Amino acid sequence: MSKEKPNNSKKISLAEVAKAAGVSKMTASRVLRNQGGFSDSTRDRVMAEVERLGYLPNRMATAFAAGESSPFVGVSIPDLRNEAFSQILEGIDHKLGTFGHQTVLGLTRNLPEEEEKWIEKILSWQPAGMILTGRVHSPKAISMLKHAAIPVVEMWDLNSSPMDMCVGLNHFDCGYHVGRFLIEKGYRRLGYVGTDHGVANAAQSRLEGFQKAVADGGGDVRHHLCLNDIPGFYPGYYGTEQLLNAQRGIEAIFFQNDNMAVGGYEFCESHALQIPQDIGIVGWGDLPVLSVFRKKMTTVKVRHVRLGQLAAEKLLSTLHGSAVQPVSDIGYLTVPGATT
């Protein structure tokens, strides 16, 4: 007679697996941890019952009981709707997964108070380490992380004096390079379209660098517009409309990212503005949309996936006892296109 099927609504315990296999709970535990001290037939019986009963082992408890380090790594990003952070997360998660670690994601909206609450929650799980977006953290968050005594990588904003380690780029210098590029191309009356920089601190740094370079070159950022929205296609479209209605004579626009720049391009083209003859457009990030866009966009290339990989590599190297360079500048590259 076949064994009775388990009730799928009930959580199966290790003791039930052991009883069904006719072994002790300790033996069943040793089988699941592959610690030896049991026969092949015993292993086969235990694993058959694991499969039949649908037992899901508590990996955290198993790891800690064996004296292993936690498999969890906390990773905070502001928003999944921003493709730059989606790519960074892809690089982190793949690298961590290759070495048996599990990403525990937090979405903080670039708000220190949200990050603080998330850090407190994740630390209760005893993670192996943390990867945080940005360089601004609440005093309580910094104190909690220092007392946790785990490796911490700050990413995205380059920080020469990080809490522990840092991987990022200098966003002010990046914006300055864009402003200087446009000045050298002969543009003098410029504009900027982005989103709320109260939370997008890196974008604010880029804007400040851009304004400084334009002023240094004898130009003028006639108007800059920061919308209460996400940096996507439609905000780029209506942001361009608002900018050009508010200030006539703008010769080129720098956008917070490429998606906004594509939206701005579509507005200009739909209103009979020739690009770049009537107005120049510069994006940022070298996002996937540019690979299929009908015109080569002037943009700034940032290796987002590589940034995530490098952040994970630093943390993993520290966990494995290897020496690492505490600060890494991922860099950027201005890529001229047919829109300037």
Protein backbone atom coordinates (compact mmCIF):
# COMPACT_ATOMS: atom_id res chain seq x y z
CA MET A 1 0.00 0.00 0.00
CA SER A 2 1.36 3.41 -0.92
CA LYS A 3 1.95 5.98 1.79
CA GLU A 4 -0.71 8.60 2.38
CA LYS A 5 -0.12 11.85 0.57
CA PRO A 6 0.70 14.77 2.88
CA ASN A 7 -1.69 17.64 3.53
CA ASN A 8 -0.25 20.41 1.31
CA SER A 9 -1.64 23.13 3.58
CA LYS A 10 0.50 21.91 6.49
CA LYS A 11 4.14 22.84 6.92
CA ILE A 12 6.23 19.67 7.14
CA SER A 13 8.82 19.43 9.91
CA LEU A 14 12.17 17.65 9.87
CA ALA A 15 10.87 15.35 12.63
CA GLU A 16 8.06 14.17 10.33
CA VAL A 17 10.56 13.46 7.55
CA ALA A 18 12.74 11.46 9.95
CA LYS A 19 9.75 9.47 11.28
CA ALA A 20 8.53 8.64 7.76
CA ALA A 21 12.04 7.51 6.75
CA GLY A 22 12.48 5.44 9.92
CA VAL A 23 15.54 7.35 11.15
CA SER A 24 16.33 9.80 13.94
CA LYS A 25 15.93 13.54 13.45
CA MET A 26 19.71 13.94 13.81
CA THR A 27 20.33 11.40 11.04
CA ALA A 28 17.85 13.14 8.75
CA SER A 29 19.60 16.43 9.48
CA ARG A 30 23.00 14.93 8.65
CA VAL A 31 21.64 13.63 5.35
CA LEU A 32 20.30 17.04 4.37
CA ARG A 33 23.60 18.69 5.29
CA ASN A 34 25.54 15.88 3.56
CA GLN A 35 27.73 15.44 6.64
CA GLY A 36 28.27 11.70 6.26
CA GLY A 37 27.86 8.97 8.85
CA PHE A 38 24.94 7.29 7.06
CA SER A 39 24.50 4.60 4.41
CA ASP A 40 23.40 5.12 0.82
CA SER A 41 20.12 3.38 1.54
CA THR A 42 19.46 5.71 4.49
CA ARG A 43 20.14 8.75 2.33
CA ASP A 44 17.82 7.41 -0.37
CA ARG A 45 14.99 6.85 2.16
CA VAL A 46 15.36 10.31 3.66
CA MET A 47 15.51 12.06 0.31
CA ALA A 48 12.53 10.07 -0.97
CA GLU A 49 10.49 11.31 2.01
CA VAL A 50 11.73 14.87 1.50
CA GLU A 51 10.40 14.68 -2.06
CA ARG A 52 7.12 12.96 -1.14
CA LEU A 53 6.30 15.23 1.78
CA GLY A 54 7.51 18.41 0.08
CA TYR A 55 9.78 19.31 2.98
CA LEU A 56 11.51 22.69 2.68
CA PRO A 57 14.58 22.94 4.92
CA ASN A 58 15.21 26.09 6.95
CA ARG A 59 18.44 27.08 5.23
CA MET A 60 19.19 29.84 7.77
CA ALA A 61 18.86 27.50 10.73
CA THR A 62 20.85 24.80 8.95
CA ALA A 63 23.68 27.16 8.11
CA PHE A 64 23.91 28.62 11.61
CA ALA A 65 23.71 25.17 13.23
CA ALA A 66 26.66 24.11 11.11
CA GLY A 67 28.64 27.21 12.04
CA GLU A 68 28.45 28.58 8.49
CA SER A 69 28.09 32.25 7.62
CA SER A 70 24.75 33.67 6.57
CA PRO A 71 23.89 33.26 2.87
CA PHE A 72 22.04 36.59 2.84
CA VAL A 73 23.35 39.91 1.53
CA GLY A 74 21.20 43.02 1.92
CA VAL A 75 21.08 45.21 -1.20
CA SER A 76 19.29 48.57 -1.24
CA ILE A 77 18.37 50.48 -4.38
CA PRO A 78 16.03 53.48 -4.71
CA ASP A 79 13.61 52.21 -7.35
CA LEU A 80 13.23 49.30 -9.77
CA ARG A 81 11.54 51.56 -12.33
CA ASN A 82 14.89 53.24 -13.02
CA GLU A 83 16.66 51.02 -15.55
CA ALA A 84 20.09 52.02 -14.31
CA PHE A 85 19.39 50.43 -10.93
CA SER A 86 17.75 47.40 -12.52
CA GLN A 87 20.99 46.77 -14.42
CA ILE A 88 23.11 47.33 -11.31
CA LEU A 89 20.95 44.84 -9.41
CA GLU A 90 21.36 42.33 -12.22
CA GLY A 91 25.15 42.53 -11.86
CA ILE A 92 25.00 42.18 -8.08
CA ASP A 93 22.52 39.32 -7.97
CA HIS A 94 24.29 37.23 -10.61
CA LYS A 95 27.68 37.61 -8.93
CA LEU A 96 26.33 36.87 -5.44
CA GLY A 97 24.35 33.88 -6.71
CA THR A 98 27.45 32.40 -8.34
CA PHE A 99 29.01 32.16 -4.88
CA GLY A 100 25.92 30.83 -3.11
CA HIS A 101 24.61 34.08 -1.62
CA GLN A 102 21.04 35.33 -1.73
CA THR A 103 20.12 38.96 -2.41
CA VAL A 104 17.67 40.49 0.06
CA LEU A 105 16.35 43.58 -1.72
CA GLY A 106 15.20 46.85 -0.22
CA LEU A 107 13.64 49.78 -2.11
CA THR A 108 14.45 52.96 -0.22
CA ARG A 109 13.38 55.76 -2.63
CA ASN A 110 16.66 57.48 -1.71
CA LEU A 111 15.13 58.42 1.65
CA PRO A 112 17.51 57.95 4.61
CA GLU A 113 14.62 57.21 6.99
CA GLU A 114 13.35 54.42 4.71
CA GLU A 115 16.86 53.00 4.41
CA GLU A 116 17.28 53.12 8.20
CA LYS A 117 14.13 51.06 8.82
CA TRP A 118 15.18 48.53 6.18
CA ILE A 119 18.71 48.21 7.58
CA GLU A 120 17.35 47.57 11.08
CA LYS A 121 15.08 44.83 9.74
CA ILE A 122 17.74 43.15 7.60
CA LEU A 123 20.35 43.19 10.37
CA SER A 124 17.98 41.07 12.47
CA TRP A 125 18.50 38.36 9.82
CA GLN A 126 22.26 38.45 10.50
CA PRO A 127 23.31 39.03 6.85
CA ALA A 128 26.81 38.32 5.62
CA GLY A 129 27.12 41.90 4.35
CA MET A 130 25.32 44.92 2.91
CA ILE A 131 25.44 46.83 -0.39
CA LEU A 132 23.86 50.28 -0.15
CA THR A 133 23.03 52.86 -2.80
CA GLY A 134 24.44 56.31 -2.18
CA ARG A 135 26.65 57.91 0.42
CA VAL A 136 24.03 59.62 2.60
CA HIS A 137 22.78 57.54 5.56
CA SER A 138 21.13 58.45 8.85
CA PRO A 139 23.33 58.55 11.99
CA LYS A 140 21.38 55.60 13.41
CA ALA A 141 21.91 53.55 10.23
CA ILE A 142 25.66 54.21 10.35
CA SER A 143 25.80 53.25 14.02
CA MET A 144 23.86 50.02 13.43
CA LEU A 145 26.14 49.01 10.56
CA LYS A 146 29.30 49.71 12.54
CA HIS A 147 28.08 47.62 15.46
CA ALA A 148 27.07 44.80 13.10
CA ALA A 149 30.75 44.38 12.11
CA ILE A 150 29.94 43.14 8.60
CA PRO A 151 31.36 44.31 5.26
CA VAL A 152 29.46 47.24 3.73
CA VAL A 153 29.78 48.50 0.15
CA GLU A 154 28.38 51.91 -0.78
CA MET A 155 27.74 52.17 -4.50
CA TRP A 156 26.66 54.66 -7.16
CA ASP A 157 28.03 57.91 -5.68
CA LEU A 158 31.82 57.85 -5.52
CA ASN A 159 32.89 58.39 -1.91
CA SER A 160 36.59 58.87 -1.20
CA SER A 161 35.97 58.28 2.53
CA PRO A 162 33.44 55.46 2.63
CA MET A 163 32.03 53.77 5.69
CA ASP A 164 33.87 50.63 4.53
CA MET A 165 34.12 50.23 0.74
CA CYS A 166 32.76 52.11 -2.26
CA VAL A 167 32.16 51.59 -5.99
CA GLY A 168 30.76 54.43 -8.06
CA LEU A 169 31.39 57.43 -10.27
CA ASN A 170 31.79 61.15 -9.68
CA HIS A 171 28.43 62.50 -10.84
CA PHE A 172 29.48 66.16 -10.51
CA ASP A 173 32.46 65.58 -12.80
CA CYS A 174 30.22 63.66 -15.19
CA GLY A 175 27.78 66.57 -15.46
CA TYR A 176 30.69 69.00 -15.81
CA HIS A 177 32.04 66.95 -18.73
CA VAL A 178 28.65 67.13 -20.50
CA GLY A 179 28.48 70.91 -20.04
CA ARG A 180 32.01 71.38 -21.35
CA PHE A 181 31.24 69.10 -24.31
CA LEU A 182 28.23 71.24 -25.32
CA ILE A 183 30.14 74.51 -24.86
CA GLU A 184 32.91 73.17 -27.10
CA LYS A 185 30.26 72.25 -29.69
CA GLY A 186 29.23 75.92 -29.77
CA TYR A 187 26.06 75.79 -27.66
CA ARG A 188 25.55 78.68 -25.26
CA ARG A 189 21.87 78.79 -24.20
CA LEU A 190 21.14 75.50 -22.50
CA GLY A 191 18.40 73.72 -20.58
CA TYR A 192 18.00 70.69 -18.32
CA VAL A 193 15.09 68.29 -17.76
CA GLY A 194 15.07 65.77 -14.91
CA THR A 195 13.02 64.57 -11.96
CA ASP A 196 12.80 65.56 -8.30
CA HIS A 197 16.39 65.96 -7.17
CA GLY A 198 15.34 66.07 -3.56
CA VAL A 199 15.58 62.28 -3.74
CA ALA A 200 17.78 61.80 -6.82
CA ASN A 201 20.95 63.14 -5.22
CA ALA A 202 23.33 61.83 -7.89
CA ALA A 203 21.28 63.56 -10.59
CA GLN A 204 21.45 66.78 -8.58
CA SER A 205 25.24 66.48 -8.53
CA ARG A 206 25.26 66.02 -12.31
CA LEU A 207 23.09 69.11 -12.74
CA GLU A 208 25.41 71.16 -10.53
CA GLY A 209 28.45 69.99 -12.49
CA PHE A 210 26.66 70.79 -15.74
CA GLN A 211 25.76 74.31 -14.60
CA LYS A 212 29.32 74.96 -13.43
CA ALA A 213 30.87 73.88 -16.75
CA VAL A 214 28.41 75.97 -18.78
CA ALA A 215 29.10 79.05 -16.63
CA ASP A 216 32.87 78.46 -16.84
CA GLY A 217 32.56 78.32 -20.63
CA GLY A 218 30.63 81.56 -20.94
CA GLY A 219 27.24 79.95 -21.47
CA ASP A 220 24.00 80.02 -19.52
CA VAL A 221 21.67 77.28 -18.27
CA ARG A 222 18.60 79.33 -19.06
CA HIS A 223 16.14 77.01 -17.36
CA HIS A 224 16.23 73.69 -15.51
CA LEU A 225 13.14 71.68 -14.77
CA CYS A 226 12.86 68.92 -12.11
CA LEU A 227 9.56 67.07 -12.33
CA ASN A 228 7.81 65.16 -9.57
CA ASP A 229 7.89 61.94 -11.56
CA ILE A 230 10.09 59.01 -12.56
CA PRO A 231 12.74 59.56 -15.26
CA GLY A 232 10.85 57.96 -18.16
CA PHE A 233 9.72 58.63 -21.73
CA TYR A 234 6.56 60.62 -21.05
CA PRO A 235 8.09 62.91 -18.38
CA GLY A 236 10.84 63.63 -20.90
CA TYR A 237 8.19 64.53 -23.49
CA TYR A 238 6.06 66.85 -21.39
CA GLY A 239 9.10 68.16 -19.50
CA THR A 240 10.56 69.34 -22.82
CA GLU A 241 7.27 71.01 -23.67
CA GLN A 242 7.24 72.87 -20.34
CA LEU A 243 10.90 73.84 -20.65
CA LEU A 244 10.60 75.25 -24.15
CA ASN A 245 7.35 77.08 -23.33
CA ALA A 246 8.98 78.66 -20.29
CA GLN A 247 12.18 79.74 -22.00
CA ARG A 248 12.63 80.55 -25.67
CA GLY A 249 15.96 80.35 -27.46
CA ILE A 250 17.32 77.20 -25.78
CA GLU A 251 19.85 75.59 -28.09
CA ALA A 252 20.39 72.24 -26.37
CA ILE A 253 18.91 70.19 -23.52
CA PHE A 254 20.66 67.80 -21.13
CA PHE A 255 18.33 65.12 -19.77
CA GLN A 256 18.60 63.14 -16.54
CA ASN A 257 18.69 59.88 -18.52
CA ASP A 258 18.28 58.45 -22.00
CA ASN A 259 14.61 57.53 -21.59
CA MET A 260 13.78 61.16 -20.85
CA ALA A 261 15.96 62.24 -23.77
CA VAL A 262 14.03 59.97 -26.14
CA GLY A 263 10.79 61.51 -24.88
CA GLY A 264 12.25 64.97 -25.44
CA TYR A 265 13.36 64.00 -28.94
CA GLU A 266 9.82 62.86 -29.79
CA PHE A 267 8.35 66.16 -28.59
CA CYS A 268 10.80 68.20 -30.64
CA GLU A 269 10.25 66.14 -33.78
CA SER A 270 6.46 66.25 -33.39
CA HIS A 271 6.69 70.06 -33.24
CA ALA A 272 8.83 70.39 -36.36
CA LEU A 273 12.10 71.07 -34.54
CA GLN A 274 15.06 69.66 -36.44
CA ILE A 275 17.67 67.80 -34.36
CA PRO A 276 20.41 68.92 -34.04
CA GLN A 277 19.94 71.88 -36.38
CA ASP A 278 17.28 73.60 -34.25
CA ILE A 279 18.05 72.03 -30.89
CA GLY A 280 20.59 69.58 -29.50
CA ILE A 281 19.73 66.69 -27.17
CA VAL A 282 21.97 64.82 -24.72
CA GLY A 283 20.90 61.80 -22.69
CA TRP A 284 22.66 59.92 -19.91
CA GLY A 285 23.34 56.31 -19.02
CA ASP A 286 23.54 54.55 -22.41
CA LEU A 287 20.30 52.72 -21.57
CA PRO A 288 18.91 49.84 -23.70
CA VAL A 289 16.43 52.03 -25.60
CA LEU A 290 19.32 53.64 -27.50
CA SER A 291 20.21 50.32 -29.14
CA VAL A 292 16.97 50.45 -31.16
CA PHE A 293 16.42 54.22 -31.41
CA ARG A 294 16.36 55.51 -34.96
CA LYS A 295 19.04 58.13 -34.37
CA LYS A 296 22.33 57.77 -32.53
CA MET A 297 21.85 59.75 -29.34
CA THR A 298 24.61 61.75 -27.71
CA THR A 299 24.85 60.21 -24.24
CA VAL A 300 27.12 59.29 -21.35
CA LYS A 301 28.03 55.63 -21.14
CA VAL A 302 28.06 54.12 -17.65
CA ARG A 303 28.73 50.41 -17.11
CA HIS A 304 25.83 49.78 -14.76
CA VAL A 305 26.01 45.97 -14.77
CA ARG A 306 29.77 46.09 -14.17
CA LEU A 307 29.25 48.52 -11.29
CA GLY A 308 26.96 45.98 -9.62
CA GLN A 309 29.38 43.13 -10.29
CA LEU A 310 32.28 45.06 -8.81
CA ALA A 311 30.29 45.97 -5.69
CA ALA A 312 29.48 42.28 -5.17
CA GLU A 313 33.08 41.25 -5.87
CA LYS A 314 34.40 43.63 -3.20
CA LEU A 315 32.01 42.24 -0.63
CA LEU A 316 32.73 38.61 -1.54
CA SER A 317 36.49 39.16 -1.48
CA THR A 318 36.22 40.64 2.01
CA LEU A 319 34.09 37.70 3.18
CA HIS A 320 36.76 35.32 1.87
CA GLY A 321 39.53 37.18 3.66
CA SER A 322 41.13 38.79 0.61
CA ALA A 323 42.49 42.33 0.60
CA VAL A 324 40.51 44.75 -1.58
CA GLN A 325 40.94 48.29 -2.81
CA PRO A 326 38.46 50.23 -0.65
CA VAL A 327 37.41 52.73 -3.35
CA SER A 328 36.83 51.99 -7.05
CA ASP A 329 35.85 54.59 -9.65
CA ILE A 330 33.81 52.86 -12.38
CA GLY A 331 34.18 55.92 -14.63
CA TYR A 332 32.03 57.20 -17.51
CA LEU A 333 32.43 58.08 -21.19
CA THR A 334 30.71 60.83 -23.15
CA VAL A 335 29.63 59.31 -26.48
CA PRO A 336 28.91 61.89 -29.24
CA GLY A 337 25.98 61.12 -31.50
CA ALA A 338 23.81 62.63 -34.20
CA THR A 339 21.69 64.67 -31.76
CA THR A 340 24.32 67.38 -31.07
